[in-house]
PDB file of N, CA and C in Angstrom:
ATOM      1  N   MET A   1      -2.447 -25.915  -3.650  1.00  0.00           N
ATOM      2  CA  MET A   1      -3.125 -24.632  -3.776  1.00  0.00           C
ATOM      3  C   MET A   1      -2.147 -23.503  -3.534  1.00  0.00           C
ATOM      4  N   ASP A   2      -2.442 -22.396  -4.110  1.00  0.00           N
ATOM      5  CA  ASP A   2      -1.593 -21.214  -3.979  1.00  0.00           C
ATOM      6  C   ASP A   2      -2.199 -20.217  -3.005  1.00  0.00           C
ATOM      7  N   GLU A   3      -2.492 -20.721  -1.809  1.00  0.00           N
ATOM      8  CA  GLU A   3      -3.109 -19.885  -0.788  1.00  0.00           C
ATOM      9  C   GLU A   3      -2.859 -20.480   0.584  1.00  0.00           C
ATOM     10  N   GLU A   4      -2.990 -19.638   1.587  1.00  0.00           N
ATOM     11  CA  GLU A   4      -2.960 -20.068   2.985  1.00  0.00           C
ATOM     12  C   GLU A   4      -4.254 -19.599   3.620  1.00  0.00           C
ATOM     13  N   THR A   5      -4.822 -20.406   4.501  1.00  0.00           N
ATOM     14  CA  THR A   5      -6.088 -20.062   5.135  1.00  0.00           C
ATOM     15  C   THR A   5      -5.968 -20.095   6.650  1.00  0.00           C
ATOM     16  N   SER A   6      -6.886 -19.373   7.287  1.00  0.00           N
ATOM     17  CA  SER A   6      -6.949 -19.361   8.737  1.00  0.00           C
ATOM     18  C   SER A   6      -8.378 -19.048   9.165  1.00  0.00           C
ATOM     19  N   PRO A   7      -8.878 -19.717  10.190  1.00  0.00           N
ATOM     20  CA  PRO A   7     -10.221 -19.396  10.667  1.00  0.00           C
ATOM     21  C   PRO A   7     -10.257 -18.021  11.321  1.00  0.00           C
ATOM     22  N   LEU A   8     -11.396 -17.374  11.213  1.00  0.00           N
ATOM     23  CA  LEU A   8     -11.615 -16.087  11.877  1.00  0.00           C
ATOM     24  C   LEU A   8     -12.438 -16.303  13.134  1.00  0.00           C
ATOM     25  N   ALA A   9     -12.342 -15.380  14.051  1.00  0.00           N
ATOM     26  CA  ALA A   9     -13.062 -15.480  15.322  1.00  0.00           C
ATOM     27  C   ALA A   9     -14.577 -15.367  15.135  1.00  0.00           C
ATOM     28  N   ARG A  10     -14.990 -14.699  14.069  1.00  0.00           N
ATOM     29  CA  ARG A  10     -16.428 -14.554  13.795  1.00  0.00           C
ATOM     30  C   ARG A  10     -16.626 -14.432  12.292  1.00  0.00           C
ATOM     31  N   ASP A  11     -17.836 -14.747  11.841  1.00  0.00           N
ATOM     32  CA  ASP A  11     -18.156 -14.615  10.433  1.00  0.00           C
ATOM     33  C   ASP A  11     -18.237 -13.149  10.040  1.00  0.00           C
ATOM     34  N   LEU A  12     -17.886 -12.852   8.803  1.00  0.00           N
ATOM     35  CA  LEU A  12     -18.011 -11.505   8.260  1.00  0.00           C
ATOM     36  C   LEU A  12     -19.322 -11.380   7.509  1.00  0.00           C
ATOM     37  N   SER A  13     -19.852 -10.193   7.424  1.00  0.00           N
ATOM     38  CA  SER A  13     -21.068  -9.957   6.656  1.00  0.00           C
ATOM     39  C   SER A  13     -20.768 -10.111   5.171  1.00  0.00           C
ATOM     40  N   VAL A  14     -21.640 -10.797   4.469  1.00  0.00           N
ATOM     41  CA  VAL A  14     -21.491 -10.950   3.026  1.00  0.00           C
ATOM     42  C   VAL A  14     -22.685 -10.358   2.289  1.00  0.00           C
ATOM     43  N   GLN A  15     -23.372  -9.467   2.964  1.00  0.00           N
ATOM     44  CA  GLN A  15     -24.513  -8.796   2.351  1.00  0.00           C
ATOM     45  C   GLN A  15     -24.043  -7.948   1.173  1.00  0.00           C
ATOM     46  N   ASP A  16     -24.713  -8.080   0.043  1.00  0.00           N
ATOM     47  CA  ASP A  16     -24.443  -7.289  -1.166  1.00  0.00           C
ATOM     48  C   ASP A  16     -23.071  -7.545  -1.784  1.00  0.00           C
ATOM     49  N   VAL A  17     -22.498  -8.726  -1.609  1.00  0.00           N
ATOM     50  CA  VAL A  17     -21.229  -9.068  -2.264  1.00  0.00           C
ATOM     51  C   VAL A  17     -21.515 -10.086  -3.369  1.00  0.00           C
ATOM     52  N   PRO A  18     -20.632 -10.169  -4.373  1.00  0.00           N
ATOM     53  CA  PRO A  18     -20.827 -11.174  -5.425  1.00  0.00           C
ATOM     54  C   PRO A  18     -20.777 -12.596  -4.856  1.00  0.00           C
ATOM     55  N   GLU A  19     -21.364 -13.547  -5.580  1.00  0.00           N
ATOM     56  CA  GLU A  19     -21.385 -14.940  -5.131  1.00  0.00           C
ATOM     57  C   GLU A  19     -20.012 -15.590  -5.166  1.00  0.00           C
ATOM     58  N   GLY A  20     -19.106 -15.030  -5.955  1.00  0.00           N
ATOM     59  CA  GLY A  20     -17.768 -15.593  -6.071  1.00  0.00           C
ATOM     60  C   GLY A  20     -16.832 -14.598  -6.712  1.00  0.00           C
ATOM     61  N   ASP A  21     -15.575 -15.000  -6.877  1.00  0.00           N
ATOM     62  CA  ASP A  21     -14.584 -14.104  -7.467  1.00  0.00           C
ATOM     63  C   ASP A  21     -13.395 -14.908  -7.980  1.00  0.00           C
ATOM     64  N   ASP A  22     -12.508 -14.234  -8.695  1.00  0.00           N
ATOM     65  CA  ASP A  22     -11.286 -14.817  -9.244  1.00  0.00           C
ATOM     66  C   ASP A  22     -10.115 -13.997  -8.711  1.00  0.00           C
ATOM     67  N   PRO A  23      -9.682 -14.268  -7.469  1.00  0.00           N
ATOM     68  CA  PRO A  23      -8.633 -13.453  -6.860  1.00  0.00           C
ATOM     69  C   PRO A  23      -7.290 -13.627  -7.565  1.00  0.00           C
ATOM     70  N   VAL A  24      -6.467 -12.608  -7.440  1.00  0.00           N
ATOM     71  CA  VAL A  24      -5.128 -12.625  -8.023  1.00  0.00           C
ATOM     72  C   VAL A  24      -4.102 -12.693  -6.886  1.00  0.00           C
ATOM     73  N   PRO A  25      -2.862 -13.101  -7.196  1.00  0.00           N
ATOM     74  CA  PRO A  25      -1.835 -13.142  -6.157  1.00  0.00           C
ATOM     75  C   PRO A  25      -1.685 -11.785  -5.458  1.00  0.00           C
ATOM     76  N   GLY A  26      -1.588 -11.828  -4.143  1.00  0.00           N
ATOM     77  CA  GLY A  26      -1.458 -10.609  -3.354  1.00  0.00           C
ATOM     78  C   GLY A  26      -2.771 -10.118  -2.787  1.00  0.00           C
ATOM     79  N   GLU A  27      -3.851 -10.855  -3.011  1.00  0.00           N
ATOM     80  CA  GLU A  27      -5.144 -10.433  -2.468  1.00  0.00           C
ATOM     81  C   GLU A  27      -5.518 -11.256  -1.243  1.00  0.00           C
ATOM     82  N   ILE A  28      -6.308 -10.635  -0.397  1.00  0.00           N
ATOM     83  CA  ILE A  28      -6.844 -11.282   0.798  1.00  0.00           C
ATOM     84  C   ILE A  28      -8.314 -11.553   0.522  1.00  0.00           C
ATOM     85  N   GLY A  29      -8.739 -12.753   0.838  1.00  0.00           N
ATOM     86  CA  GLY A  29     -10.127 -13.121   0.606  1.00  0.00           C
ATOM     87  C   GLY A  29     -10.775 -13.660   1.863  1.00  0.00           C
ATOM     88  N   TYR A  30     -12.079 -13.777   1.769  1.00  0.00           N
ATOM     89  CA  TYR A  30     -12.879 -14.393   2.830  1.00  0.00           C
ATOM     90  C   TYR A  30     -13.602 -15.569   2.193  1.00  0.00           C
ATOM     91  N   TRP A  31     -13.344 -16.774   2.683  1.00  0.00           N
ATOM     92  CA  TRP A  31     -13.975 -17.985   2.177  1.00  0.00           C
ATOM     93  C   TRP A  31     -15.234 -18.216   3.001  1.00  0.00           C
ATOM     94  N   VAL A  32     -16.371 -17.854   2.411  1.00  0.00           N
ATOM     95  CA  VAL A  32     -17.648 -17.839   3.117  1.00  0.00           C
ATOM     96  C   VAL A  32     -18.048 -19.203   3.676  1.00  0.00           C
ATOM     97  N   PRO A  33     -17.957 -20.312   2.908  1.00  0.00           N
ATOM     98  CA  PRO A  33     -18.449 -21.589   3.447  1.00  0.00           C
ATOM     99  C   PRO A  33     -17.818 -22.007   4.776  1.00  0.00           C
ATOM    100  N   ASP A  34     -16.536 -21.713   4.971  1.00  0.00           N
ATOM    101  CA  ASP A  34     -15.858 -22.106   6.212  1.00  0.00           C
ATOM    102  C   ASP A  34     -15.548 -20.939   7.141  1.00  0.00           C
ATOM    103  N   GLY A  35     -15.790 -19.707   6.703  1.00  0.00           N
ATOM    104  CA  GLY A  35     -15.481 -18.536   7.521  1.00  0.00           C
ATOM    105  C   GLY A  35     -13.996 -18.302   7.683  1.00  0.00           C
ATOM    106  N   ASN A  36     -13.205 -18.625   6.653  1.00  0.00           N
ATOM    107  CA  ASN A  36     -11.751 -18.497   6.733  1.00  0.00           C
ATOM    108  C   ASN A  36     -11.228 -17.262   6.011  1.00  0.00           C
ATOM    109  N   LEU A  37     -10.159 -16.720   6.542  1.00  0.00           N
ATOM    110  CA  LEU A  37      -9.375 -15.696   5.874  1.00  0.00           C
ATOM    111  C   LEU A  37      -8.433 -16.415   4.918  1.00  0.00           C
ATOM    112  N   VAL A  38      -8.234 -15.863   3.718  1.00  0.00           N
ATOM    113  CA  VAL A  38      -7.396 -16.515   2.713  1.00  0.00           C
ATOM    114  C   VAL A  38      -6.366 -15.522   2.189  1.00  0.00           C
ATOM    115  N   LEU A  39      -5.099 -15.904   2.216  1.00  0.00           N
ATOM    116  CA  LEU A  39      -4.027 -15.119   1.602  1.00  0.00           C
ATOM    117  C   LEU A  39      -3.665 -15.806   0.287  1.00  0.00           C
ATOM    118  N   HIS A  40      -3.937 -15.147  -0.826  1.00  0.00           N
ATOM    119  CA  HIS A  40      -3.654 -15.713  -2.146  1.00  0.00           C
ATOM    120  C   HIS A  40      -2.247 -15.298  -2.562  1.00  0.00           C
ATOM    121  N   TYR A  41      -1.316 -16.259  -2.623  1.00  0.00           N
ATOM    122  CA  TYR A  41       0.051 -15.950  -3.030  1.00  0.00           C
ATOM    123  C   TYR A  41       0.361 -16.462  -4.431  1.00  0.00           C
ATOM    124  N   GLY A  42      -0.560 -17.175  -5.029  1.00  0.00           N
ATOM    125  CA  GLY A  42      -0.420 -17.659  -6.402  1.00  0.00           C
ATOM    126  C   GLY A  42      -1.725 -17.477  -7.140  1.00  0.00           C
ATOM    127  N   ASP A  43      -1.710 -17.828  -8.396  1.00  0.00           N
ATOM    128  CA  ASP A  43      -2.897 -17.661  -9.231  1.00  0.00           C
ATOM    129  C   ASP A  43      -3.894 -18.776  -8.952  1.00  0.00           C
ATOM    130  N   VAL A  44      -5.106 -18.415  -8.658  1.00  0.00           N
ATOM    131  CA  VAL A  44      -6.201 -19.376  -8.483  1.00  0.00           C
ATOM    132  C   VAL A  44      -7.309 -18.996  -9.456  1.00  0.00           C
ATOM    133  N   GLU A  45      -8.247 -19.878  -9.631  1.00  0.00           N
ATOM    134  CA  GLU A  45      -9.336 -19.601 -10.559  1.00  0.00           C
ATOM    135  C   GLU A  45     -10.544 -19.050  -9.825  1.00  0.00           C
ATOM    136  N   TYR A  46     -11.607 -18.833 -10.566  1.00  0.00           N
ATOM    137  CA  TYR A  46     -12.869 -18.357  -9.995  1.00  0.00           C
ATOM    138  C   TYR A  46     -13.420 -19.397  -9.026  1.00  0.00           C
ATOM    139  N   TRP A  47     -13.880 -18.931  -7.874  1.00  0.00           N
ATOM    140  CA  TRP A  47     -14.518 -19.798  -6.882  1.00  0.00           C
ATOM    141  C   TRP A  47     -15.804 -19.158  -6.392  1.00  0.00           C
ATOM    142  N   ASN A  48     -16.899 -19.927  -6.396  1.00  0.00           N
ATOM    143  CA  ASN A  48     -18.106 -19.482  -5.697  1.00  0.00           C
ATOM    144  C   ASN A  48     -17.794 -19.520  -4.214  1.00  0.00           C
ATOM    145  N   GLY A  49     -18.146 -18.473  -3.488  1.00  0.00           N
ATOM    146  CA  GLY A  49     -17.947 -18.441  -2.052  1.00  0.00           C
ATOM    147  C   GLY A  49     -16.744 -17.641  -1.595  1.00  0.00           C
ATOM    148  N   ILE A  50     -15.920 -17.142  -2.541  1.00  0.00           N
ATOM    149  CA  ILE A  50     -14.780 -16.318  -2.126  1.00  0.00           C
ATOM    150  C   ILE A  50     -15.136 -14.848  -2.322  1.00  0.00           C
ATOM    151  N   VAL A  51     -14.784 -14.037  -1.351  1.00  0.00           N
ATOM    152  CA  VAL A  51     -15.038 -12.593  -1.401  1.00  0.00           C
ATOM    153  C   VAL A  51     -13.710 -11.880  -1.212  1.00  0.00           C
ATOM    154  N   ARG A  52     -13.359 -11.004  -2.138  1.00  0.00           N
ATOM    155  CA  ARG A  52     -12.128 -10.211  -1.982  1.00  0.00           C
ATOM    156  C   ARG A  52     -12.347  -9.167  -0.895  1.00  0.00           C
ATOM    157  N   ILE A  53     -11.408  -9.088   0.042  1.00  0.00           N
ATOM    158  CA  ILE A  53     -11.555  -8.102   1.118  1.00  0.00           C
ATOM    159  C   ILE A  53     -10.343  -7.195   1.263  1.00  0.00           C
ATOM    160  N   GLY A  54      -9.292  -7.433   0.485  1.00  0.00           N
ATOM    161  CA  GLY A  54      -8.122  -6.577   0.597  1.00  0.00           C
ATOM    162  C   GLY A  54      -6.958  -7.115  -0.206  1.00  0.00           C
ATOM    163  N   SER A  55      -5.795  -6.520   0.041  1.00  0.00           N
ATOM    164  CA  SER A  55      -4.588  -6.947  -0.650  1.00  0.00           C
ATOM    165  C   SER A  55      -3.388  -6.784   0.285  1.00  0.00           C
ATOM    166  N   PHE A  56      -2.292  -7.424  -0.094  1.00  0.00           N
ATOM    167  CA  PHE A  56      -1.063  -7.270   0.684  1.00  0.00           C
ATOM    168  C   PHE A  56       0.094  -7.025  -0.272  1.00  0.00           C
ATOM    169  N   ASP A  57       1.095  -6.334   0.226  1.00  0.00           N
ATOM    170  CA  ASP A  57       2.279  -5.999  -0.568  1.00  0.00           C
ATOM    171  C   ASP A  57       3.380  -7.008  -0.304  1.00  0.00           C
ATOM    172  N   GLY A  58       4.065  -7.412  -1.371  1.00  0.00           N
ATOM    173  CA  GLY A  58       5.253  -8.258  -1.234  1.00  0.00           C
ATOM    174  C   GLY A  58       5.013  -9.515  -0.439  1.00  0.00           C
ATOM    175  N   GLY A  59       6.082 -10.251  -0.207  1.00  0.00           N
ATOM    176  CA  GLY A  59       6.031 -11.408   0.671  1.00  0.00           C
ATOM    177  C   GLY A  59       5.303 -12.620   0.141  1.00  0.00           C
ATOM    178  N   ARG A  60       4.891 -12.629  -1.131  1.00  0.00           N
ATOM    179  CA  ARG A  60       4.145 -13.782  -1.639  1.00  0.00           C
ATOM    180  C   ARG A  60       4.976 -15.051  -1.577  1.00  0.00           C
ATOM    181  N   GLY A  61       6.240 -14.954  -1.962  1.00  0.00           N
ATOM    182  CA  GLY A  61       7.122 -16.118  -1.884  1.00  0.00           C
ATOM    183  C   GLY A  61       7.367 -16.557  -0.458  1.00  0.00           C
ATOM    184  N   GLU A  62       7.462 -15.598   0.442  1.00  0.00           N
ATOM    185  CA  GLU A  62       7.643 -15.917   1.867  1.00  0.00           C
ATOM    186  C   GLU A  62       6.454 -16.695   2.402  1.00  0.00           C
ATOM    187  N   ILE A  63       5.259 -16.306   2.016  1.00  0.00           N
ATOM    188  CA  ILE A  63       4.064 -17.011   2.478  1.00  0.00           C
ATOM    189  C   ILE A  63       4.082 -18.449   1.969  1.00  0.00           C
ATOM    190  N   ALA A  64       4.442 -18.634   0.720  1.00  0.00           N
ATOM    191  CA  ALA A  64       4.483 -19.976   0.129  1.00  0.00           C
ATOM    192  C   ALA A  64       5.459 -20.891   0.854  1.00  0.00           C
ATOM    193  N   ARG A  65       6.522 -20.353   1.404  1.00  0.00           N
ATOM    194  CA  ARG A  65       7.559 -21.163   2.058  1.00  0.00           C
ATOM    195  C   ARG A  65       7.297 -21.441   3.542  1.00  0.00           C
ATOM    196  N   GLN A  66       6.265 -20.867   4.114  1.00  0.00           N
ATOM    197  CA  GLN A  66       6.016 -21.034   5.544  1.00  0.00           C
ATOM    198  C   GLN A  66       5.449 -22.414   5.877  1.00  0.00           C
ATOM    199  N   ALA A  67       5.818 -22.906   7.035  1.00  0.00           N
ATOM    200  CA  ALA A  67       5.257 -24.158   7.553  1.00  0.00           C
ATOM    201  C   ALA A  67       3.866 -23.880   8.123  1.00  0.00           C
ATOM    202  N   ASP A  68       3.078 -24.918   8.251  1.00  0.00           N
ATOM    203  CA  ASP A  68       1.753 -24.764   8.856  1.00  0.00           C
ATOM    204  C   ASP A  68       1.877 -24.126  10.231  1.00  0.00           C
ATOM    205  N   GLY A  69       0.907 -23.305  10.579  1.00  0.00           N
ATOM    206  CA  GLY A  69       0.872 -22.689  11.895  1.00  0.00           C
ATOM    207  C   GLY A  69       1.609 -21.370  12.011  1.00  0.00           C
ATOM    208  N   PHE A  70       2.111 -20.819  10.887  1.00  0.00           N
ATOM    209  CA  PHE A  70       2.813 -19.537  10.987  1.00  0.00           C
ATOM    210  C   PHE A  70       1.818 -18.425  11.279  1.00  0.00           C
ATOM    211  N   ARG A  71       2.328 -17.309  11.785  1.00  0.00           N
ATOM    212  CA  ARG A  71       1.472 -16.174  12.154  1.00  0.00           C
ATOM    213  C   ARG A  71       1.756 -14.964  11.275  1.00  0.00           C
ATOM    214  N   VAL A  72       0.706 -14.217  10.976  1.00  0.00           N
ATOM    215  CA  VAL A  72       0.833 -12.941  10.279  1.00  0.00           C
ATOM    216  C   VAL A  72      -0.007 -11.914  11.033  1.00  0.00           C
ATOM    217  N   THR A  73       0.327 -10.665  10.844  1.00  0.00           N
ATOM    218  CA  THR A  73      -0.471  -9.564  11.385  1.00  0.00           C
ATOM    219  C   THR A  73      -1.039  -8.789  10.215  1.00  0.00           C
ATOM    220  N   ILE A  74      -2.325  -8.568  10.235  1.00  0.00           N
ATOM    221  CA  ILE A  74      -2.982  -7.798   9.181  1.00  0.00           C
ATOM    222  C   ILE A  74      -3.524  -6.533   9.803  1.00  0.00           C
ATOM    223  N   GLU A  75      -3.164  -5.411   9.210  1.00  0.00           N
ATOM    224  CA  GLU A  75      -3.622  -4.119   9.702  1.00  0.00           C
ATOM    225  C   GLU A  75      -4.324  -3.377   8.588  1.00  0.00           C
ATOM    226  N   ARG A  76      -5.271  -2.583   8.942  1.00  0.00           N
ATOM    227  CA  ARG A  76      -5.986  -1.756   7.979  1.00  0.00           C
ATOM    228  C   ARG A  76      -5.079  -0.644   7.488  1.00  0.00           C
ATOM    229  N   ALA A  77      -4.997  -0.506   6.178  1.00  0.00           N
ATOM    230  CA  ALA A  77      -4.180   0.574   5.587  1.00  0.00           C
ATOM    231  C   ALA A  77      -5.004   1.852   5.536  1.00  0.00           C
ATOM    232  N   ASP A  78      -4.344   2.972   5.734  1.00  0.00           N
ATOM    233  CA  ASP A  78      -5.061   4.251   5.656  1.00  0.00           C
ATOM    234  C   ASP A  78      -5.005   4.820   4.263  1.00  0.00           C
TER     235      ASP A  78
END
């Protein structure tokens, strides 16, 4: 897969969001069935249960090369 996932401390609200989406590389998603944050660094197809929640700049190749258990910091952009 062309993504990395991580569990979140709590579920996010999915009220009024589409049932699924087709994220592109560089987007951040929320995988509703497991409550995971998803960093998409490659092309994936449409998935029921994925909600786009943001994007990130650069570093897609860096994410792909990381070993399991790596850490990232996500901050809200103004």
